[in-house]
Protein backbone atom coordinates (compact mmCIF):
# COMPACT_ATOMS: atom_id res chain seq x y z
CA SER A 1 7.52 -4.84 20.06
CA SER A 2 5.12 -7.55 18.90
CA THR A 3 4.62 -10.12 16.19
CA PHE A 4 1.25 -10.70 14.54
CA SER A 5 1.67 -13.76 12.36
CA GLY A 6 -0.35 -16.65 10.97
CA ASN A 7 -3.77 -15.27 11.87
CA THR A 8 -6.94 -15.63 9.79
CA SER A 9 -10.12 -13.55 9.75
CA ILE A 10 -13.24 -14.70 7.96
CA ASN A 11 -14.04 -11.03 7.30
CA GLN A 12 -11.63 -8.06 7.74
CA GLY A 13 -8.29 -7.54 9.41
CA GLY A 14 -6.24 -10.72 9.38
CA GLY A 15 -3.59 -9.33 11.73
CA ILE A 16 -5.13 -6.21 13.32
CA TYR A 17 -8.72 -4.93 13.23
CA ALA A 18 -9.36 -1.36 14.42
CA ILE A 19 -12.61 0.63 14.32
CA ASN A 20 -12.89 4.11 15.87
CA SER A 21 -9.57 3.50 17.60
CA ASN A 22 -6.21 5.15 18.23
CA VAL A 23 -3.40 2.67 17.64
CA THR A 24 0.38 2.92 17.80
CA ILE A 25 2.52 0.05 16.50
CA ASP A 26 6.26 0.16 17.23
CA ASN A 27 9.04 -2.26 16.27
CA SER A 28 6.61 -4.95 15.21
CA THR A 29 6.13 -7.54 12.49
CA ILE A 30 2.77 -8.17 10.85
CA SER A 31 3.31 -11.05 8.50
CA GLY A 32 1.62 -14.09 7.02
CA ASN A 33 -1.93 -13.11 7.99
CA LEU A 34 -5.07 -13.68 5.92
CA ALA A 35 -8.39 -11.85 5.67
CA ASN A 36 -11.01 -13.57 3.60
CA GLN A 37 -12.41 -10.16 2.69
CA THR A 38 -10.30 -6.99 3.20
CA GLY A 39 -7.17 -5.96 5.04
CA GLY A 40 -4.90 -8.98 5.19
CA GLY A 41 -2.45 -7.31 7.56
CA ILE A 42 -4.37 -4.37 9.06
CA TYR A 43 -7.94 -3.11 8.78
CA LEU A 44 -8.82 0.37 10.08
CA SER A 45 -11.99 2.36 9.63
CA ASN A 46 -14.51 4.72 11.24
CA TYR A 47 -12.14 7.57 12.06
CA SER A 48 -9.34 5.46 13.47
CA THR A 49 -5.84 6.90 13.80
CA ILE A 50 -2.89 4.55 13.42
CA ASN A 51 0.83 5.30 13.69
CA ILE A 52 3.19 2.56 12.57
CA ASN A 53 6.88 2.96 13.35
CA SER A 54 9.97 0.84 12.62
CA SER A 55 7.92 -2.18 11.62
CA GLU A 56 7.38 -4.67 8.80
CA ILE A 57 4.12 -5.56 7.08
CA SER A 58 4.78 -8.39 4.68
CA ASN A 59 3.37 -11.51 3.05
CA ASN A 60 -0.19 -10.86 4.13
CA SER A 61 -3.10 -11.58 1.82
CA ALA A 62 -6.74 -10.66 1.33
CA GLY A 63 -9.51 -12.38 -0.57
CA GLY A 64 -10.80 -8.93 -1.51
CA ASN A 65 -8.99 -5.58 -1.33
CA ALA A 66 -5.86 -4.58 0.60
CA GLY A 67 -3.30 -7.27 1.13
CA GLY A 68 -1.27 -5.12 3.54
CA ILE A 69 -3.32 -2.23 4.99
CA TYR A 70 -6.96 -1.22 4.48
CA GLY A 71 -7.90 2.30 5.58
CA ALA A 72 -11.35 3.88 5.33
CA GLN A 73 -12.27 7.27 6.83
CA SER A 74 -9.19 7.14 9.02
CA TYR A 75 -5.68 8.59 9.40
CA LEU A 76 -2.46 6.68 8.82
CA THR A 77 1.20 7.50 9.37
CA ILE A 78 3.98 5.05 8.58
CA THR A 79 7.58 5.83 9.49
CA ASN A 80 10.54 3.52 8.88
CA VAL A 81 8.20 0.77 7.73
CA LEU A 82 8.65 -1.95 5.10
CA VAL A 83 5.43 -2.92 3.29
CA SER A 84 6.35 -5.77 0.98
CA GLU A 85 5.05 -8.80 -0.87
CA ASN A 86 1.45 -8.46 0.25
CA GLU A 87 -1.26 -9.71 -2.07
CA ALA A 88 -4.88 -8.76 -2.75
CA SER A 89 -7.25 -10.77 -4.90
CA ILE A 90 -8.90 -7.58 -6.17
CA VAL A 91 -7.02 -4.25 -5.82
CA GLY A 92 -4.53 -2.61 -3.47
CA GLY A 93 -1.80 -5.16 -2.87
CA GLY A 94 0.03 -2.96 -0.37
CA LEU A 95 -2.33 -0.17 0.74
CA TYR A 96 -6.01 0.39 -0.05
CA LEU A 97 -7.07 3.90 0.98
CA SER A 98 -10.52 5.40 1.01
CA SER A 99 -10.82 8.91 2.51
CA THR A 100 -7.73 8.13 4.57
CA PRO A 101 -4.93 10.73 4.45
CA VAL A 102 -1.51 9.11 4.75
CA GLU A 103 2.00 10.21 5.61
CA ILE A 104 4.75 7.88 4.37
CA ILE A 105 8.14 8.75 5.84
CA ASN A 106 11.47 6.91 5.45
CA SER A 107 9.59 3.82 4.31
CA THR A 108 9.71 1.25 1.53
CA ILE A 109 6.60 -0.04 -0.23
CA VAL A 110 7.75 -2.69 -2.65
CA ASN A 111 6.65 -5.75 -4.64
CA ASN A 112 3.06 -5.83 -3.44
CA HIS A 113 0.56 -7.06 -5.99
CA ASP A 114 -3.06 -7.67 -6.79
CA GLU A 115 -4.55 -10.16 -9.16
CA GLN A 116 -7.53 -8.58 -10.89
CA ASP A 117 -7.78 -6.00 -13.63
CA VAL A 118 -10.20 -3.18 -12.84
CA GLY A 119 -11.33 -0.88 -15.62
CA CYS A 120 -10.30 2.75 -15.26
CA GLY A 121 -13.69 4.04 -16.33
CA ASP A 122 -12.04 6.83 -18.32
CA GLY A 123 -12.74 5.50 -21.77
CA THR A 124 -9.14 4.45 -22.39
CA GLY A 125 -9.65 0.75 -21.93
CA ASN A 126 -6.71 0.72 -19.52
CA MET A 127 -6.81 -1.33 -16.36
CA CYS A 128 -6.47 0.43 -13.02
CA GLY A 129 -5.75 -1.99 -10.25
CA ALA A 130 -2.86 -0.97 -8.01
CA SER A 131 0.07 -3.07 -6.97
CA ASN A 132 1.38 -0.93 -4.14
CA ILE A 133 -1.21 1.79 -3.37
CA TRP A 134 -4.86 2.11 -4.42
CA ASN A 135 -6.29 5.47 -3.47
CA ALA A 136 -9.78 6.97 -3.36
CA PHE A 137 -10.06 10.55 -2.09
CA SER A 138 -6.98 10.26 0.13
CA ASP A 139 -4.15 12.81 0.24
CA LEU A 140 -0.63 11.39 0.30
CA ASP A 141 2.56 12.90 1.69
CA ILE A 142 5.59 10.82 0.73
CA LEU A 143 9.01 11.79 2.11
CA ASN A 144 12.36 10.04 1.71
CA SER A 145 10.70 6.77 0.72
CA ILE A 146 10.81 4.14 -2.02
CA ILE A 147 7.73 2.91 -3.85
CA TRP A 148 8.89 0.33 -6.32
CA GLN A 149 7.53 -2.56 -8.32
CA GLY A 150 10.21 -5.06 -9.22
CA LEU A 151 7.98 -8.02 -9.96
CA PRO A 152 7.57 -9.27 -13.54
CA GLU A 153 4.62 -7.51 -15.16
CA ASP A 154 2.81 -10.78 -15.80
CA SER A 155 2.50 -11.33 -12.03
CA TRP A 156 0.76 -8.06 -11.15
CA GLU A 157 -1.87 -5.75 -12.58
CA GLY A 158 -2.42 -2.02 -12.88
CA ALA A 159 -0.44 0.81 -11.38
CA GLY A 160 1.94 1.30 -8.48
CA ILE A 161 -0.09 4.28 -7.25
CA TYR A 162 -3.60 4.60 -8.63
CA TRP A 163 -6.34 7.01 -7.64
CA THR A 164 -10.01 7.07 -8.45
CA GLY A 165 -12.41 9.99 -8.29
CA SER A 166 -11.12 13.53 -7.98
CA PRO A 167 -7.30 13.69 -8.05
CA PRO A 168 -6.00 13.76 -4.48
CA GLU A 169 -3.15 15.95 -3.28
CA ILE A 170 0.00 13.87 -3.61
CA ASN A 171 3.20 15.47 -2.32
CA ILE A 172 6.41 13.57 -3.04
CA SER A 173 9.88 14.68 -1.98
CA TYR A 174 13.30 13.02 -1.81
CA SER A 175 11.84 9.69 -2.82
CA ASP A 176 12.30 7.01 -5.48
CA ILE A 177 9.05 6.34 -7.32
CA SER A 178 8.89 4.03 -10.32
CA GLN A 179 6.33 2.27 -12.50
CA ASN A 180 3.68 4.34 -10.76
CA TYR A 181 1.23 5.37 -13.43
CA SER A 182 -1.65 3.53 -15.01
CA ASN A 183 -2.49 5.75 -17.97
CA ILE A 184 -1.68 9.12 -19.46
CA SER A 185 -4.13 10.85 -17.13
CA GLN A 186 -2.25 9.71 -14.03
CA ILE A 187 1.34 10.82 -14.32
CA LEU A 188 2.78 11.72 -10.93
CA GLU A 189 4.85 14.81 -10.30
CA LEU A 190 7.89 13.42 -8.50
CA GLY A 191 8.55 16.59 -6.54
CA THR A 192 11.67 18.04 -4.94
CA GLY A 193 14.72 15.79 -4.87
CA SER A 194 12.89 12.70 -6.15
CA ILE A 195 14.04 10.21 -8.76
CA ASN A 196 12.73 7.38 -10.90
CA ASP A 197 15.65 4.93 -10.83
CA ASP A 198 16.22 1.34 -9.80
CA PRO A 199 16.92 1.51 -6.03
CA GLN A 200 19.42 -1.37 -6.28
CA PHE A 201 18.11 -3.34 -3.30
CA THR A 202 20.66 -5.62 -1.67
CA ASP A 203 18.85 -8.95 -2.10
CA PRO A 204 15.16 -8.49 -2.99
CA ASP A 205 14.71 -12.19 -3.88
CA ASN A 206 15.25 -12.95 -0.21
CA GLY A 207 13.35 -9.95 1.16
CA ASP A 208 16.37 -7.76 1.87
CA TYR A 209 15.27 -4.27 0.85
C-alpha cells in the first residue's frame, strides 16, 4: 500500500504519470495532488494498462481535463475504488477517457466536478461537460457500482457520464446511476438490476461514502 499526496506537476499526472506502462495499484490513497494541465491524480497514455484495487482517488485537481484520472489509448480497471471530490477546470472531474476501455467494479464515483461548460455540438444548445466521467470512444463496463452526483447543481456543470463522437458501448448492471445524462440524445440504459435512487451515503459531507 502507498500514499501519493500533495504532489504537483507543471504538466500531466500530479500523483502518477504512466506512459506505455503496466501499473497495478493496491490499497493506496491518491489524494490532494495537482496537475497544471491534465490528470490531477493519475495520467496514463500510449497503451498503458492500469489496475487499481481497494484504493481511494480523491481531492485531486487539474488545470485542464481530468481531476481524478486521465486515460488516453490505454486500458483501465478499477475495483473497490472510491473516486470522489476531484476537480477539473475544463471537463472530466472524475475520469476523462479517450479511446480507453474501462471496467468499473464494486466502486463509487461520486461528487467529482468540473468548472467549464462545453457545448454539445448537437444543435441543442445544451452544455456537455462531465462531472464524474467524460468519455470519447471508450467502452464502459459498470458492475455493482455507484455513480452519483450529490453536489448542488450550481457547483458543477454538464453530465455525470457524457460521451462525444460515436456512442460507445456502455454496459451497466446492478448499479446505482443518477443524474447521468446531458440531453435527450444521451439517456443511459441502466441495465440488469440497476436503479436510479439516492444511495443514502452515511456521511457524504465528511467523505464517508
